[in-house]
Amino acid sequence: MADRHRHPSRGIRIPDERWEAAKKKAEREGRTITEVVNEELEKYIKRPDRKKK
């Protein structure tokens, strides 16, 4: 992954069960967790803001 060396590492907290399940699924799809997280963050950024409750 070429982007690895151009972007800083980030620390986030994710429950172990969720991390392992996501890691296994990404591996089955031939992807990395970094690719999955970046794709989903991009979708999150682009969608309209939610109203505060």
PDB file of N, CA and C in Angstrom:
ATOM      1  N   MET A   1       0.854  -1.187   0.000  1.00  0.00           N
ATOM      2  CA  MET A   1       0.000   0.000   0.000  1.00  0.00           C
ATOM      3  C   MET A   1       0.887   1.233   0.000  1.00  0.00           C
ATOM      4  N   ALA A   2       0.830   1.997  -1.047  1.00  0.00           N
ATOM      5  CA  ALA A   2       1.683   3.175  -1.211  1.00  0.00           C
ATOM      6  C   ALA A   2       1.345   4.282  -0.223  1.00  0.00           C
ATOM      7  N   ASP A   3       0.065   4.432   0.145  1.00  0.00           N
ATOM      8  CA  ASP A   3      -0.357   5.504   1.044  1.00  0.00           C
ATOM      9  C   ASP A   3       0.211   5.349   2.453  1.00  0.00           C
ATOM     10  N   ARG A   4       0.620   4.169   2.812  1.00  0.00           N
ATOM     11  CA  ARG A   4       1.084   3.899   4.173  1.00  0.00           C
ATOM     12  C   ARG A   4       2.178   4.870   4.598  1.00  0.00           C
ATOM     13  N   HIS A   5       3.063   5.205   3.680  1.00  0.00           N
ATOM     14  CA  HIS A   5       4.199   6.032   4.024  1.00  0.00           C
ATOM     15  C   HIS A   5       3.913   7.521   3.894  1.00  0.00           C
ATOM     16  N   ARG A   6       2.762   7.889   3.401  1.00  0.00           N
ATOM     17  CA  ARG A   6       2.433   9.299   3.213  1.00  0.00           C
ATOM     18  C   ARG A   6       1.476   9.822   4.267  1.00  0.00           C
ATOM     19  N   HIS A   7       0.903   8.951   5.078  1.00  0.00           N
ATOM     20  CA  HIS A   7      -0.088   9.378   6.058  1.00  0.00           C
ATOM     21  C   HIS A   7       0.294   8.867   7.448  1.00  0.00           C
ATOM     22  N   PRO A   8       0.049   9.692   8.472  1.00  0.00           N
ATOM     23  CA  PRO A   8       0.383   9.250   9.829  1.00  0.00           C
ATOM     24  C   PRO A   8      -0.560   8.148  10.308  1.00  0.00           C
ATOM     25  N   SER A   9      -0.077   7.367  11.226  1.00  0.00           N
ATOM     26  CA  SER A   9      -0.888   6.339  11.866  1.00  0.00           C
ATOM     27  C   SER A   9      -1.833   7.030  12.850  1.00  0.00           C
ATOM     28  N   ARG A  10      -3.030   6.499  13.007  1.00  0.00           N
ATOM     29  CA  ARG A  10      -4.025   7.043  13.944  1.00  0.00           C
ATOM     30  C   ARG A  10      -4.391   5.970  14.953  1.00  0.00           C
ATOM     31  N   GLY A  11      -4.710   6.380  16.136  1.00  0.00           N
ATOM     32  CA  GLY A  11      -5.143   5.443  17.165  1.00  0.00           C
ATOM     33  C   GLY A  11      -6.631   5.615  17.451  1.00  0.00           C
ATOM     34  N   ILE A  12      -7.370   4.514  17.391  1.00  0.00           N
ATOM     35  CA  ILE A  12      -8.794   4.536  17.732  1.00  0.00           C
ATOM     36  C   ILE A  12      -9.100   3.306  18.582  1.00  0.00           C
ATOM     37  N   ARG A  13     -10.176   3.363  19.330  1.00  0.00           N
ATOM     38  CA  ARG A  13     -10.575   2.227  20.168  1.00  0.00           C
ATOM     39  C   ARG A  13     -11.725   1.488  19.490  1.00  0.00           C
ATOM     40  N   ILE A  14     -11.541   0.194  19.313  1.00  0.00           N
ATOM     41  CA  ILE A  14     -12.545  -0.661  18.687  1.00  0.00           C
ATOM     42  C   ILE A  14     -12.617  -1.951  19.504  1.00  0.00           C
ATOM     43  N   PRO A  15     -13.811  -2.407  19.857  1.00  0.00           N
ATOM     44  CA  PRO A  15     -13.913  -3.664  20.606  1.00  0.00           C
ATOM     45  C   PRO A  15     -13.230  -4.813  19.850  1.00  0.00           C
ATOM     46  N   ASP A  16     -12.556  -5.684  20.594  1.00  0.00           N
ATOM     47  CA  ASP A  16     -11.821  -6.795  19.987  1.00  0.00           C
ATOM     48  C   ASP A  16     -12.681  -7.639  19.046  1.00  0.00           C
ATOM     49  N   GLU A  17     -13.901  -7.945  19.449  1.00  0.00           N
ATOM     50  CA  GLU A  17     -14.762  -8.807  18.628  1.00  0.00           C
ATOM     51  C   GLU A  17     -15.047  -8.159  17.268  1.00  0.00           C
ATOM     52  N   ARG A  18     -15.323  -6.861  17.284  1.00  0.00           N
ATOM     53  CA  ARG A  18     -15.616  -6.137  16.051  1.00  0.00           C
ATOM     54  C   ARG A  18     -14.371  -6.081  15.162  1.00  0.00           C
ATOM     55  N   TRP A  19     -13.211  -5.806  15.772  1.00  0.00           N
ATOM     56  CA  TRP A  19     -11.954  -5.728  15.028  1.00  0.00           C
ATOM     57  C   TRP A  19     -11.644  -7.061  14.339  1.00  0.00           C
ATOM     58  N   GLU A  20     -11.749  -8.157  15.077  1.00  0.00           N
ATOM     59  CA  GLU A  20     -11.445  -9.477  14.518  1.00  0.00           C
ATOM     60  C   GLU A  20     -12.401  -9.852  13.394  1.00  0.00           C
ATOM     61  N   ALA A  21     -13.688  -9.561  13.585  1.00  0.00           N
ATOM     62  CA  ALA A  21     -14.672  -9.862  12.538  1.00  0.00           C
ATOM     63  C   ALA A  21     -14.402  -9.042  11.281  1.00  0.00           C
ATOM     64  N   ALA A  22     -14.080  -7.769  11.457  1.00  0.00           N
ATOM     65  CA  ALA A  22     -13.789  -6.904  10.307  1.00  0.00           C
ATOM     66  C   ALA A  22     -12.502  -7.342   9.623  1.00  0.00           C
ATOM     67  N   LYS A  23     -11.509  -7.703  10.399  1.00  0.00           N
ATOM     68  CA  LYS A  23     -10.231  -8.151   9.839  1.00  0.00           C
ATOM     69  C   LYS A  23     -10.412  -9.418   8.997  1.00  0.00           C
ATOM     70  N   LYS A  24     -11.179 -10.375   9.513  1.00  0.00           N
ATOM     71  CA  LYS A  24     -11.439 -11.618   8.770  1.00  0.00           C
ATOM     72  C   LYS A  24     -12.196 -11.338   7.478  1.00  0.00           C
ATOM     73  N   LYS A  25     -13.210 -10.475   7.549  1.00  0.00           N
ATOM     74  CA  LYS A  25     -13.982 -10.155   6.352  1.00  0.00           C
ATOM     75  C   LYS A  25     -13.109  -9.446   5.322  1.00  0.00           C
ATOM     76  N   ALA A  26     -12.324  -8.483   5.756  1.00  0.00           N
ATOM     77  CA  ALA A  26     -11.432  -7.767   4.838  1.00  0.00           C
ATOM     78  C   ALA A  26     -10.459  -8.734   4.174  1.00  0.00           C
ATOM     79  N   GLU A  27      -9.904  -9.656   4.948  1.00  0.00           N
ATOM     80  CA  GLU A  27      -8.977 -10.648   4.386  1.00  0.00           C
ATOM     81  C   GLU A  27      -9.659 -11.520   3.332  1.00  0.00           C
ATOM     82  N   ARG A  28     -10.905 -11.933   3.609  1.00  0.00           N
ATOM     83  CA  ARG A  28     -11.649 -12.738   2.620  1.00  0.00           C
ATOM     84  C   ARG A  28     -11.852 -11.965   1.325  1.00  0.00           C
ATOM     85  N   GLU A  29     -11.975 -10.652   1.445  1.00  0.00           N
ATOM     86  CA  GLU A  29     -12.198  -9.796   0.276  1.00  0.00           C
ATOM     87  C   GLU A  29     -10.885  -9.330  -0.357  1.00  0.00           C
ATOM     88  N   GLY A  30      -9.755  -9.726   0.220  1.00  0.00           N
ATOM     89  CA  GLY A  30      -8.464  -9.305  -0.308  1.00  0.00           C
ATOM     90  C   GLY A  30      -8.160  -7.836  -0.045  1.00  0.00           C
ATOM     91  N   ARG A  31      -8.684  -7.327   1.077  1.00  0.00           N
ATOM     92  CA  ARG A  31      -8.516  -5.917   1.430  1.00  0.00           C
ATOM     93  C   ARG A  31      -7.842  -5.807   2.777  1.00  0.00           C
ATOM     94  N   THR A  32      -7.446  -4.591   3.127  1.00  0.00           N
ATOM     95  CA  THR A  32      -6.900  -4.322   4.458  1.00  0.00           C
ATOM     96  C   THR A  32      -7.922  -3.540   5.267  1.00  0.00           C
ATOM     97  N   ILE A  33      -7.759  -3.572   6.567  1.00  0.00           N
ATOM     98  CA  ILE A  33      -8.619  -2.776   7.443  1.00  0.00           C
ATOM     99  C   ILE A  33      -8.474  -1.289   7.102  1.00  0.00           C
ATOM    100  N   THR A  34      -7.272  -0.864   6.802  1.00  0.00           N
ATOM    101  CA  THR A  34      -7.047   0.536   6.435  1.00  0.00           C
ATOM    102  C   THR A  34      -7.890   0.926   5.231  1.00  0.00           C
ATOM    103  N   GLU A  35      -7.941   0.071   4.226  1.00  0.00           N
ATOM    104  CA  GLU A  35      -8.756   0.361   3.044  1.00  0.00           C
ATOM    105  C   GLU A  35     -10.230   0.453   3.410  1.00  0.00           C
ATOM    106  N   VAL A  36     -10.689  -0.472   4.220  1.00  0.00           N
ATOM    107  CA  VAL A  36     -12.105  -0.490   4.633  1.00  0.00           C
ATOM    108  C   VAL A  36     -12.444   0.765   5.429  1.00  0.00           C
ATOM    109  N   VAL A  37     -11.632   1.098   6.420  1.00  0.00           N
ATOM    110  CA  VAL A  37     -11.896   2.266   7.263  1.00  0.00           C
ATOM    111  C   VAL A  37     -11.877   3.543   6.434  1.00  0.00           C
ATOM    112  N   ASN A  38     -10.891   3.690   5.566  1.00  0.00           N
ATOM    113  CA  ASN A  38     -10.825   4.897   4.737  1.00  0.00           C
ATOM    114  C   ASN A  38     -12.028   5.015   3.810  1.00  0.00           C
ATOM    115  N   GLU A  39     -12.455   3.913   3.217  1.00  0.00           N
ATOM    116  CA  GLU A  39     -13.628   3.945   2.335  1.00  0.00           C
ATOM    117  C   GLU A  39     -14.883   4.351   3.107  1.00  0.00           C
ATOM    118  N   GLU A  40     -15.063   3.780   4.282  1.00  0.00           N
ATOM    119  CA  GLU A  40     -16.253   4.095   5.075  1.00  0.00           C
ATOM    120  C   GLU A  40     -16.204   5.517   5.628  1.00  0.00           C
ATOM    121  N   LEU A  41     -15.029   5.998   6.007  1.00  0.00           N
ATOM    122  CA  LEU A  41     -14.912   7.390   6.463  1.00  0.00           C
ATOM    123  C   LEU A  41     -15.232   8.362   5.334  1.00  0.00           C
ATOM    124  N   GLU A  42     -14.803   8.045   4.137  1.00  0.00           N
ATOM    125  CA  GLU A  42     -15.104   8.900   2.980  1.00  0.00           C
ATOM    126  C   GLU A  42     -16.617   8.983   2.763  1.00  0.00           C
ATOM    127  N   LYS A  43     -17.310   7.847   2.878  1.00  0.00           N
ATOM    128  CA  LYS A  43     -18.775   7.843   2.755  1.00  0.00           C
ATOM    129  C   LYS A  43     -19.407   8.696   3.856  1.00  0.00           C
ATOM    130  N   TYR A  44     -18.897   8.554   5.073  1.00  0.00           N
ATOM    131  CA  TYR A  44     -19.413   9.307   6.210  1.00  0.00           C
ATOM    132  C   TYR A  44     -19.246  10.810   6.000  1.00  0.00           C
ATOM    133  N   ILE A  45     -18.085  11.209   5.535  1.00  0.00           N
ATOM    134  CA  ILE A  45     -17.798  12.631   5.305  1.00  0.00           C
ATOM    135  C   ILE A  45     -18.725  13.217   4.249  1.00  0.00           C
ATOM    136  N   LYS A  46     -19.035  12.460   3.224  1.00  0.00           N
ATOM    137  CA  LYS A  46     -19.827  12.959   2.096  1.00  0.00           C
ATOM    138  C   LYS A  46     -21.329  12.999   2.360  1.00  0.00           C
ATOM    139  N   ARG A  47     -21.819  12.229   3.319  1.00  0.00           N
ATOM    140  CA  ARG A  47     -23.264  12.221   3.532  1.00  0.00           C
ATOM    141  C   ARG A  47     -23.686  13.451   4.328  1.00  0.00           C
ATOM    142  N   PRO A  48     -24.933  13.848   4.176  1.00  0.00           N
ATOM    143  CA  PRO A  48     -25.424  15.040   4.888  1.00  0.00           C
ATOM    144  C   PRO A  48     -25.330  14.881   6.401  1.00  0.00           C
ATOM    145  N   ASP A  49     -25.139  16.000   7.073  1.00  0.00           N
ATOM    146  CA  ASP A  49     -25.075  15.981   8.541  1.00  0.00           C
ATOM    147  C   ASP A  49     -26.419  15.577   9.105  1.00  0.00           C
ATOM    148  N   ARG A  50     -26.363  14.884  10.238  1.00  0.00           N
ATOM    149  CA  ARG A  50     -27.591  14.538  10.974  1.00  0.00           C
ATOM    150  C   ARG A  50     -27.949  15.692  11.887  1.00  0.00           C
ATOM    151  N   LYS A  51     -29.213  15.826  12.147  1.00  0.00           N
ATOM    152  CA  LYS A  51     -29.666  16.833  13.111  1.00  0.00           C
ATOM    153  C   LYS A  51     -29.341  16.336  14.517  1.00  0.00           C
ATOM    154  N   LYS A  52     -28.924  17.242  15.403  1.00  0.00           N
ATOM    155  CA  LYS A  52     -28.695  16.886  16.802  1.00  0.00           C
ATOM    156  C   LYS A  52     -30.020  16.591  17.465  1.00  0.00           C
ATOM    157  N   LYS A  53     -30.040  15.569  18.315  1.00  0.00           N
ATOM    158  CA  LYS A  53     -31.279  15.216  19.027  1.00  0.00           C
ATOM    159  C   LYS A  53     -31.445  16.030  20.262  1.00  0.00           C
TER     160      LYS A  53
END
